[in-house]
Amino acid sequence: MEECDLREADLTSALLMAANLSRASLQGAILSDARLNAAILTSADLRGADVSGADVGGANFEGAMLAGANFDVQRIDIAMLEGATFDGDTQWPAEFDPLAAGCLRSES
């Protein structure tokens, strides 16, 4: 699949269930309140994206770049996050431990 360039796109409340966005460029995109159930976002670039309020139940974010993203999302407990990278500016739901979920902290 070719890389999908959606940098800075406004996808507020988009219905993206089961969408294949593997390796997509979503840097700075607005995905707030989107439905990302079972979406494939492996190795996607979500740096600086606003994903707040999105439903990510069953979504695959393995290897995704989440540095600086607002990832205060719904149903994160059933999303796959192994190997996703984040930094000190990444926002998470209260009580969520990204390291326990398999995420990797990046210092860059």
Protein backbone atom coordinates (compact mmCIF):
# COMPACT_ATOMS: atom_id res chain seq x y z
CA MET A 1 0.00 0.00 0.00
CA GLU A 2 1.27 3.47 -0.84
CA GLU A 3 1.75 5.88 2.02
CA CYS A 4 -1.34 7.99 2.61
CA ASP A 5 -0.59 11.69 3.19
CA LEU A 6 -3.19 13.18 5.54
CA ARG A 7 -0.94 15.68 7.33
CA GLU A 8 -2.95 18.48 8.96
CA ALA A 9 -6.23 16.94 7.68
CA ASP A 10 -9.42 17.68 9.63
CA LEU A 11 -10.98 14.27 10.20
CA THR A 12 -13.10 15.29 13.18
CA SER A 13 -15.78 12.64 13.86
CA ALA A 14 -14.70 10.64 10.78
CA LEU A 15 -15.95 7.07 10.50
CA LEU A 16 -12.75 5.12 9.90
CA MET A 17 -13.68 1.73 11.32
CA ALA A 18 -11.39 -1.00 9.95
CA ALA A 19 -9.63 1.52 7.67
CA ASN A 20 -6.13 0.56 6.59
CA LEU A 21 -4.00 3.59 7.41
CA SER A 22 -0.79 1.65 7.87
CA ARG A 23 2.22 3.97 7.47
CA ALA A 24 -0.09 6.96 6.87
CA SER A 25 1.26 10.46 7.47
CA LEU A 26 -1.21 11.98 9.93
CA GLN A 27 1.15 14.52 11.45
CA GLY A 28 -0.88 17.35 13.00
CA ALA A 29 -4.16 15.84 11.81
CA ILE A 30 -7.36 16.34 13.77
CA LEU A 31 -9.03 13.00 14.52
CA SER A 32 -10.96 14.11 17.58
CA ASP A 33 -14.10 12.05 18.21
CA ALA A 34 -13.32 9.83 15.19
CA ARG A 35 -14.37 6.17 15.13
CA LEU A 36 -11.15 4.21 14.65
CA ASN A 37 -12.47 0.84 15.82
CA ALA A 38 -10.35 -1.98 14.38
CA ALA A 39 -8.46 0.50 12.14
CA ILE A 40 -4.92 -0.44 11.13
CA LEU A 41 -2.49 2.37 11.91
CA THR A 42 0.71 0.33 12.18
CA SER A 43 3.79 2.53 11.77
CA ALA A 44 1.56 5.58 11.14
CA ASP A 45 2.97 9.04 11.89
CA LEU A 46 0.58 10.70 14.35
CA ARG A 47 3.08 13.17 15.79
CA GLY A 48 1.25 16.24 17.04
CA ALA A 49 -2.15 14.83 16.03
CA ASP A 50 -5.31 15.50 18.05
CA VAL A 51 -6.99 12.12 18.56
CA SER A 52 -8.84 13.22 21.72
CA GLY A 53 -12.16 11.54 22.33
CA ALA A 54 -11.71 9.08 19.45
CA ASP A 55 -12.86 5.49 19.94
CA VAL A 56 -9.79 3.32 19.31
CA GLY A 57 -11.21 0.01 20.52
CA GLY A 58 -9.46 -2.80 18.65
CA ALA A 59 -7.32 -0.39 16.59
CA ASN A 60 -3.72 -1.35 15.84
CA PHE A 61 -1.16 1.39 16.53
CA GLU A 62 1.87 -0.93 16.72
CA GLY A 63 5.00 1.00 15.81
CA ALA A 64 3.10 4.28 15.39
CA MET A 65 4.75 7.60 16.23
CA LEU A 66 2.67 9.40 18.88
CA ALA A 67 5.09 12.09 20.08
CA GLY A 68 3.24 15.27 20.98
CA ALA A 69 -0.15 13.74 20.16
CA ASN A 70 -3.27 14.26 22.24
CA PHE A 71 -4.09 10.58 22.70
CA ASP A 72 -6.71 11.01 25.43
CA VAL A 73 -8.95 8.48 23.69
CA GLN A 74 -11.77 6.07 24.46
CA ARG A 75 -11.28 2.31 24.90
CA ILE A 76 -7.48 2.49 24.77
CA ASP A 77 -7.42 -0.66 26.91
CA ILE A 78 -8.36 -2.75 23.87
CA ALA A 79 -6.08 -1.01 21.35
CA MET A 80 -2.75 -2.52 20.25
CA LEU A 81 0.12 -0.16 21.06
CA GLU A 82 3.19 -2.43 21.15
CA GLY A 83 6.24 -0.48 19.98
CA ALA A 84 4.40 2.83 19.52
CA THR A 85 6.68 5.74 20.46
CA PHE A 86 5.68 8.70 22.60
CA ASP A 87 7.33 11.60 24.40
CA GLY A 88 6.71 13.82 27.39
CA ASP A 89 4.24 15.92 25.39
CA THR A 90 1.98 12.99 24.48
CA GLN A 91 -1.33 13.21 26.36
CA TRP A 92 -2.98 10.00 27.59
CA PRO A 93 -6.22 9.11 29.39
CA ALA A 94 -6.03 9.43 33.18
CA GLU A 95 -4.62 6.32 34.84
CA PHE A 96 -3.26 4.93 31.53
CA ASP A 97 0.32 3.61 31.64
CA PRO A 98 1.80 3.65 28.11
CA LEU A 99 4.88 1.69 29.16
CA ALA A 100 2.72 -1.13 30.55
CA ALA A 101 0.87 -1.15 27.20
CA GLY A 102 4.17 -1.75 25.36
CA CYS A 103 4.82 1.81 24.19
CA LEU A 104 8.37 3.13 24.00
CA ARG A 105 9.34 6.52 25.39
CA SER A 106 11.39 8.63 22.99
CA GLU A 107 13.56 11.44 24.27
CA SER A 108 13.93 13.15 20.88
